[in-house]
Amino acid sequence: MEYPELLTKRRSVRDYEDKEVPLDTVIQVINESCLAPSSSNGQPWRFVIVTDRAVIKRLSDESKRNLLREIERDTRSTSSRYEARLRDPDFNVYYNAPCLVFIAGPKDLRSIETDCALAAAYLMLSASDRGLATCWIGLGRFIEDEELRDLIGLSETDRIVAPVIIGYPKRIPAVPQRSGPEILKIVS
């Protein structure tokens, strides 16, 4: 696939075929995501791969629980716009995808958001190049339960930055309308 085509094929997908993604393919995608740039070439990212759908559901329920608790503490929370969906017991924040990858790293590292976001972008492009679809699930990073964090291999010093679902898409959505860049100034 040529690069411009890859950019248009990479879409956020929330509806997947009921088909497992081979683990070796996920590993290849993760290996390619590690080609992303990082601050001082620190490569601080760590990855968790979850393909057990019962565990993915438990992680979804945990994240929903924590988000609802946040909304109850602060009704002006940006998460409040999702409250009705979060209260729906059938709603899975990971959209029942067959594979979930957490990209995480040391929470005290100043560049962790940027470093992991770059790795996530590379991961999504690599997956798309293989005919897979992805979606970064911001609602899915609120995993606080110690038992669940231990189950997925995250310590208290790790911060989940990018939960990305991966699967075979039922369809690839069209490219949504995009605005051109807002160039503030050209200094030459």
Protein backbone atom coordinates (compact mmCIF):
# COMPACT_ATOMS: atom_id res chain seq x y z
CA MET A 1 0.00 0.00 0.00
CA GLU A 2 1.37 3.43 -0.89
CA TYR A 3 1.70 5.89 1.98
CA PRO A 4 -1.09 8.31 0.88
CA GLU A 5 -3.47 5.33 0.53
CA LEU A 6 -2.41 4.06 3.95
CA LEU A 7 -3.33 7.42 5.49
CA THR A 8 -6.85 7.23 4.05
CA LYS A 9 -7.32 3.54 4.92
CA ARG A 10 -6.39 4.10 8.58
CA ARG A 11 -9.74 4.91 10.14
CA SER A 12 -11.12 4.55 13.65
CA VAL A 13 -13.24 1.39 13.53
CA ARG A 14 -15.63 0.24 16.23
CA ASP A 15 -17.25 -2.74 14.49
CA TYR A 16 -15.22 -5.89 13.94
CA GLU A 17 -15.65 -9.32 12.42
CA ASP A 18 -15.84 -12.13 14.96
CA LYS A 19 -12.37 -13.29 13.98
CA GLU A 20 -9.25 -13.52 16.12
CA VAL A 21 -6.13 -11.58 15.14
CA PRO A 22 -3.10 -13.92 15.07
CA LEU A 23 -0.79 -13.17 17.98
CA ASP A 24 2.28 -13.15 15.73
CA THR A 25 0.64 -10.41 13.64
CA VAL A 26 -0.02 -8.33 16.76
CA ILE A 27 3.62 -8.81 17.80
CA GLN A 28 4.80 -7.68 14.34
CA VAL A 29 2.61 -4.58 14.56
CA ILE A 30 4.00 -3.79 18.01
CA ASN A 31 7.56 -4.31 16.79
CA GLU A 32 6.95 -1.78 14.02
CA SER A 33 5.38 0.66 16.48
CA CYS A 34 8.70 0.70 18.33
CA LEU A 35 10.23 2.45 15.31
CA ALA A 36 8.40 5.59 16.47
CA PRO A 37 10.49 8.50 17.69
CA SER A 38 10.68 9.14 21.43
CA SER A 39 12.19 11.81 23.64
CA SER A 40 15.97 11.32 23.79
CA ASN A 41 15.33 7.94 22.14
CA GLY A 42 14.21 6.70 25.56
CA GLN A 43 11.65 4.27 24.08
CA PRO A 44 9.76 4.15 27.40
CA TRP A 45 6.68 2.41 26.05
CA ARG A 46 5.46 -0.93 27.34
CA PHE A 47 2.75 -3.05 25.81
CA VAL A 48 0.03 -5.30 27.16
CA ILE A 49 -1.84 -7.55 24.73
CA VAL A 50 -5.25 -8.83 25.81
CA THR A 51 -7.14 -11.29 23.62
CA ASP A 52 -9.22 -12.97 26.33
CA ARG A 53 -12.67 -11.48 25.73
CA ALA A 54 -13.79 -12.10 29.32
CA VAL A 55 -10.79 -10.11 30.56
CA ILE A 56 -11.48 -7.36 28.00
CA LYS A 57 -15.04 -7.16 29.36
CA ARG A 58 -13.74 -6.95 32.96
CA LEU A 59 -11.38 -4.15 31.92
CA SER A 60 -14.26 -2.34 30.22
CA ASP A 61 -16.44 -2.64 33.33
CA GLU A 62 -13.57 -1.36 35.51
CA SER A 63 -12.96 1.66 33.31
CA LYS A 64 -16.71 2.44 33.18
CA ARG A 65 -16.96 2.17 36.97
CA ASN A 66 -14.08 4.62 37.45
CA LEU A 67 -15.43 7.06 34.89
CA LEU A 68 -18.89 7.03 36.52
CA ARG A 69 -17.25 7.67 39.89
CA GLU A 70 -15.45 10.66 38.35
CA ILE A 71 -18.74 11.99 36.94
CA GLU A 72 -20.41 11.66 40.34
CA ARG A 73 -17.57 13.67 41.94
CA ASP A 74 -17.61 16.33 39.23
CA THR A 75 -20.72 16.70 37.08
CA ARG A 76 -18.78 19.08 34.81
CA SER A 77 -16.33 16.31 33.94
CA THR A 78 -15.75 15.92 30.21
CA SER A 79 -16.72 12.26 30.68
CA SER A 80 -20.29 13.27 31.58
CA ARG A 81 -21.26 13.40 27.89
CA TYR A 82 -20.79 9.59 27.86
CA GLU A 83 -22.72 8.95 31.08
CA ALA A 84 -25.75 7.22 29.50
CA ARG A 85 -23.52 4.82 27.54
CA LEU A 86 -21.30 4.18 30.57
CA ARG A 87 -24.36 3.22 32.62
CA ASP A 88 -25.48 0.71 29.97
CA PRO A 89 -24.34 -2.72 31.26
CA ASP A 90 -24.13 -4.02 27.66
CA PHE A 91 -21.85 -1.23 26.45
CA ASN A 92 -18.25 -2.38 26.13
CA VAL A 93 -15.86 0.57 25.85
CA TYR A 94 -13.63 -1.67 23.69
CA TYR A 95 -16.53 -2.45 21.32
CA ASN A 96 -16.11 -6.21 21.76
CA ALA A 97 -12.94 -6.12 19.66
CA PRO A 98 -10.96 -9.35 19.55
CA CYS A 99 -7.70 -7.70 20.63
CA LEU A 100 -6.81 -4.88 23.00
CA VAL A 101 -3.33 -3.40 23.29
CA PHE A 102 -2.45 -1.07 26.13
CA ILE A 103 0.49 1.22 25.47
CA ALA A 104 1.81 2.35 28.83
CA GLY A 105 4.90 3.64 30.52
CA PRO A 106 6.32 5.24 33.65
CA LYS A 107 3.77 7.74 34.94
CA ASP A 108 6.46 10.06 36.31
CA LEU A 109 8.17 10.47 32.91
CA ARG A 110 7.48 13.94 31.52
CA SER A 111 7.36 12.79 27.87
CA ILE A 112 5.28 9.65 28.39
CA GLU A 113 2.10 11.00 26.72
CA THR A 114 3.95 12.08 23.59
CA ASP A 115 6.18 9.02 23.39
CA CYS A 116 3.29 6.57 23.75
CA ALA A 117 1.07 8.59 21.39
CA LEU A 118 3.73 8.34 18.69
CA ALA A 119 4.03 4.59 19.26
CA ALA A 120 0.22 4.33 19.02
CA ALA A 121 0.19 6.21 15.72
CA TYR A 122 2.82 3.85 14.29
CA LEU A 123 0.88 0.86 15.66
CA MET A 124 -2.33 2.00 13.98
CA LEU A 125 -0.60 2.58 10.63
CA SER A 126 1.18 -0.77 10.81
CA ALA A 127 -2.08 -2.56 11.59
CA SER A 128 -3.84 -0.79 8.73
CA ASP A 129 -1.10 -1.84 6.34
CA ARG A 130 -1.96 -5.46 7.22
CA GLY A 131 -5.69 -5.05 6.56
CA LEU A 132 -6.51 -4.64 10.25
CA ALA A 133 -8.46 -1.81 11.81
CA THR A 134 -7.86 0.02 15.07
CA CYS A 135 -9.36 2.59 17.37
CA TRP A 136 -7.74 4.49 20.24
CA ILE A 137 -10.21 4.12 23.12
CA GLY A 138 -9.72 7.06 25.48
CA LEU A 139 -12.51 5.79 27.74
CA GLY A 140 -10.59 2.56 28.26
CA ARG A 141 -7.53 3.76 30.16
CA PHE A 142 -9.05 4.09 33.62
CA ILE A 143 -7.91 0.79 35.11
CA GLU A 144 -7.26 1.26 38.82
CA ASP A 145 -8.13 -2.09 40.41
CA GLU A 146 -4.87 -3.59 41.71
CA GLU A 147 -5.93 -7.16 40.94
CA LEU A 148 -6.76 -6.31 37.33
CA ARG A 149 -3.59 -4.26 36.89
CA ASP A 150 -1.60 -7.18 38.26
CA LEU A 151 -3.42 -9.58 35.92
CA ILE A 152 -2.39 -7.51 32.89
CA GLY A 153 1.14 -6.88 34.16
CA LEU A 154 0.97 -3.21 35.07
CA SER A 155 2.53 -1.91 38.26
CA GLU A 156 1.43 1.13 40.24
CA THR A 157 4.19 3.13 38.52
CA ASP A 158 2.78 2.44 35.03
CA ARG A 159 0.33 4.75 33.33
CA ILE A 160 -1.91 3.59 30.50
CA VAL A 161 -1.69 6.20 27.76
CA ALA A 162 -3.19 4.53 24.71
CA PRO A 163 -5.68 1.65 24.81
CA VAL A 164 -5.94 0.56 21.16
CA ILE A 165 -8.36 -2.06 19.89
CA ILE A 166 -7.39 -4.15 16.87
CA GLY A 167 -9.42 -6.42 14.63
CA TYR A 168 -10.67 -7.21 11.16
CA PRO A 169 -13.13 -4.49 10.22
CA LYS A 170 -16.65 -5.23 9.08
CA ARG A 171 -16.19 -2.12 6.94
CA ILE A 172 -13.82 0.82 6.68
CA PRO A 173 -15.65 4.13 7.16
CA ALA A 174 -15.15 6.88 4.60
CA VAL A 175 -12.68 9.61 5.38
CA PRO A 176 -14.62 12.28 7.28
CA GLN A 177 -14.55 15.88 6.15
CA ARG A 178 -11.22 17.43 7.08
CA SER A 179 -10.33 21.07 7.35
CA GLY A 180 -7.09 22.30 5.89
CA PRO A 181 -4.34 23.27 8.30
CA GLU A 182 -4.52 26.61 10.05
CA ILE A 183 -1.10 28.08 9.38
CA LEU A 184 -0.66 30.92 11.85
CA LYS A 185 2.27 32.48 10.11
CA ILE A 186 5.11 31.73 7.74
CA VAL A 187 8.36 33.29 8.81
CA SER A 188 10.95 33.22 6.06
